C-alpha atoms as a PDB file:
ATOM      1  CA  MET A   1       6.536 -15.046  -6.348  1.00  0.00           C
ATOM      2  CA  PRO A   2       5.575 -16.022  -2.781  1.00  0.00           C
ATOM      3  CA  GLU A   3       1.887 -16.211  -2.063  1.00  0.00           C
ATOM      4  CA  PRO A   4       0.621 -13.561   0.360  1.00  0.00           C
ATOM      5  CA  THR A   5      -0.312 -14.923   3.768  1.00  0.00           C
ATOM      6  CA  THR A   6      -3.661 -13.161   3.774  1.00  0.00           C
ATOM      7  CA  ARG A   7      -6.392 -12.762   1.231  1.00  0.00           C
ATOM      8  CA  HIS A   8      -6.454  -9.056   0.581  1.00  0.00           C
ATOM      9  CA  GLY A   9      -9.788  -7.296   0.687  1.00  0.00           C
ATOM     10  CA  SER A  10     -10.933  -4.340  -1.354  1.00  0.00           C
ATOM     11  CA  PRO A  11      -9.256  -1.612   0.783  1.00  0.00           C
ATOM     12  CA  ALA A  12      -5.864  -3.353   0.560  1.00  0.00           C
ATOM     13  CA  ARG A  13      -6.215  -3.946  -3.188  1.00  0.00           C
ATOM     14  CA  ARG A  14      -7.142  -0.295  -3.700  1.00  0.00           C
ATOM     15  CA  LEU A  15      -4.174   0.961  -1.659  1.00  0.00           C
ATOM     16  CA  LEU A  16      -1.810  -1.323  -3.560  1.00  0.00           C
ATOM     17  CA  GLY A  17      -3.251  -0.011  -6.830  1.00  0.00           C
ATOM     18  CA  VAL A  18      -2.786   3.616  -5.749  1.00  0.00           C
ATOM     19  CA  LEU A  19       0.816   2.918  -4.816  1.00  0.00           C
ATOM     20  CA  ALA A  20       1.476   0.974  -8.024  1.00  0.00           C
ATOM     21  CA  GLU A  21       0.130   3.860 -10.080  1.00  0.00           C
ATOM     22  CA  HIS A  22       1.661   6.816  -8.252  1.00  0.00           C
ATOM     23  CA  ASP A  23       4.825   5.655  -6.446  1.00  0.00           C
ATOM     24  CA  GLN A  24       7.716   6.423  -8.775  1.00  0.00           C
ATOM     25  CA  GLY A  25      10.339   5.206  -6.310  1.00  0.00           C
ATOM     26  CA  LYS A  26      10.167   7.917  -3.658  1.00  0.00           C
ATOM     27  CA  GLY A  27       6.974   6.732  -2.012  1.00  0.00           C
ATOM     28  CA  LEU A  28       3.791   8.554  -1.120  1.00  0.00           C
ATOM     29  CA  HIS A  29       3.201  10.595   2.024  1.00  0.00           C
ATOM     30  CA  PHE A  30       0.190   9.976   4.215  1.00  0.00           C
ATOM     31  CA  ASP A  31      -0.942  12.402   6.925  1.00  0.00           C
ATOM     32  CA  GLN A  32      -2.394  11.043  10.149  1.00  0.00           C
ATOM     33  CA  ARG A  33      -6.061  12.040  10.542  1.00  0.00           C
ATOM     34  CA  THR A  34      -6.990  10.042  13.623  1.00  0.00           C
ATOM     35  CA  ARG A  35      -5.245   7.335  15.593  1.00  0.00           C
ATOM     36  CA  ASP A  36      -6.347   4.721  13.063  1.00  0.00           C
ATOM     37  CA  ARG A  37      -6.767   6.659   9.804  1.00  0.00           C
ATOM     38  CA  TRP A  38      -4.337   8.175   7.337  1.00  0.00           C
ATOM     39  CA  CYS A  39      -4.987  10.462   4.370  1.00  0.00           C
ATOM     40  CA  LEU A  40      -2.905  10.487   1.190  1.00  0.00           C
ATOM     41  CA  HIS A  41      -1.258  13.911   1.279  1.00  0.00           C
ATOM     42  CA  GLY A  42      -3.177  16.473  -0.785  1.00  0.00           C
ATOM     43  CA  THR A  43      -6.168  14.213  -1.433  1.00  0.00           C
ATOM     44  CA  GLY A  44      -9.293  12.960   0.295  1.00  0.00           C
ATOM     45  CA  TYR A  45      -8.206   9.292   0.063  1.00  0.00           C
ATOM     46  CA  VAL A  46      -8.268   7.842   3.601  1.00  0.00           C
ATOM     47  CA  VAL A  47      -6.801   4.485   4.656  1.00  0.00           C
ATOM     48  CA  ARG A  48      -7.031   2.579   7.949  1.00  0.00           C
ATOM     49  CA  SER A  49      -3.822   1.628   9.741  1.00  0.00           C
ATOM     50  CA  ALA A  50      -4.801  -2.049   9.530  1.00  0.00           C
ATOM     51  CA  THR A  51      -4.722  -1.849   5.735  1.00  0.00           C
ATOM     52  CA  PHE A  52      -1.081  -0.718   5.808  1.00  0.00           C
ATOM     53  CA  ARG A  53      -0.206  -3.474   8.299  1.00  0.00           C
ATOM     54  CA  GLU A  54      -1.899  -6.120   6.152  1.00  0.00           C
ATOM     55  CA  LEU A  55       0.135  -5.255   3.051  1.00  0.00           C
ATOM     56  CA  ALA A  56       3.366  -4.681   4.995  1.00  0.00           C
ATOM     57  CA  ALA A  57       3.053  -8.110   6.645  1.00  0.00           C
ATOM     58  CA  ASP A  58       3.201  -9.689   3.177  1.00  0.00           C
ATOM     59  CA  GLN A  59       6.104  -7.391   2.218  1.00  0.00           C
ATOM     60  CA  LEU A  60       4.037  -5.814  -0.571  1.00  0.00           C
ATOM     61  CA  ILE A  61       4.661  -2.311   0.793  1.00  0.00           C
ATOM     62  CA  ASP A  62       7.244  -0.642   3.023  1.00  0.00           C
ATOM     63  CA  VAL A  63       5.846   1.782   5.576  1.00  0.00           C
ATOM     64  CA  GLY A  64       9.246   2.963   6.838  1.00  0.00           C
ATOM     65  CA  ASP A  65      10.253   3.447  10.444  1.00  0.00           C
ATOM     66  CA  SER A  66       8.199   6.449  11.505  1.00  0.00           C
ATOM     67  CA  ASN A  67       4.918   8.214  10.798  1.00  0.00           C
ATOM     68  CA  GLU A  68       6.748  10.757   8.628  1.00  0.00           C
ATOM     69  CA  ASP A  69       8.302   8.191   6.259  1.00  0.00           C
ATOM     70  CA  PRO A  70       6.769   7.782   2.813  1.00  0.00           C
ATOM     71  CA  VAL A  71       4.974   4.536   1.983  1.00  0.00           C
ATOM     72  CA  THR A  72       6.519   2.678  -0.944  1.00  0.00           C
ATOM     73  CA  ILE A  73       5.428  -0.298  -2.970  1.00  0.00           C
ATOM     74  CA  THR A  74       8.030  -3.063  -3.039  1.00  0.00           C
ATOM     75  CA  GLU A  75       9.136  -5.006  -6.113  1.00  0.00           C
ATOM     76  CA  LEU A  76       7.123  -7.925  -4.754  1.00  0.00           C
ATOM     77  CA  GLY A  77       4.125  -5.604  -4.388  1.00  0.00           C
ATOM     78  CA  ARG A  78       4.432  -4.462  -8.002  1.00  0.00           C
ATOM     79  CA  ALA A  79       4.724  -8.056  -9.207  1.00  0.00           C
ATOM     80  CA  TYR A  80       1.732  -9.115  -7.110  1.00  0.00           C
ATOM     81  CA  HIS A  81      -0.318  -6.173  -8.351  1.00  0.00           C
ATOM     82  CA  ALA A  82       0.535  -6.913 -11.982  1.00  0.00           C
ATOM     83  CA  ALA A  83       0.002 -10.682 -11.777  1.00  0.00           C
ATOM     84  CA  VAL A  84      -2.916 -11.008  -9.410  1.00  0.00           C
ATOM     85  CA  LEU A  85      -4.806  -7.736  -9.368  1.00  0.00           C
ATOM     86  CA  GLU A  86      -4.364  -6.579 -12.948  1.00  0.00           C
ATOM     87  CA  GLY A  87      -4.417 -10.114 -14.349  1.00  0.00           C
ATOM     88  CA  PRO A  88      -3.084 -11.261 -17.705  1.00  0.00           C
ATOM     89  CA  ARG A  89      -3.095  -8.732 -20.502  1.00  0.00           C
END
């Protein structure tokens, strides 16, 4: 598994965990709240745009091509989450 190019902070780790837990292959929809903030549809969970960019740059998530596309966790993102964030079981 390639090493991510950035050291992911708490917001990025949390977003990756949310996606790992809830994305069943169709992705999750986020609604734009402000220019820089997005809310997971139907919840109060808010994420900054930079957090999406950080994870997408390492190919851990796919944000699609437009603001209406769902955000999905990639296979690499699932592997990274399981190996690095969840740790050995």
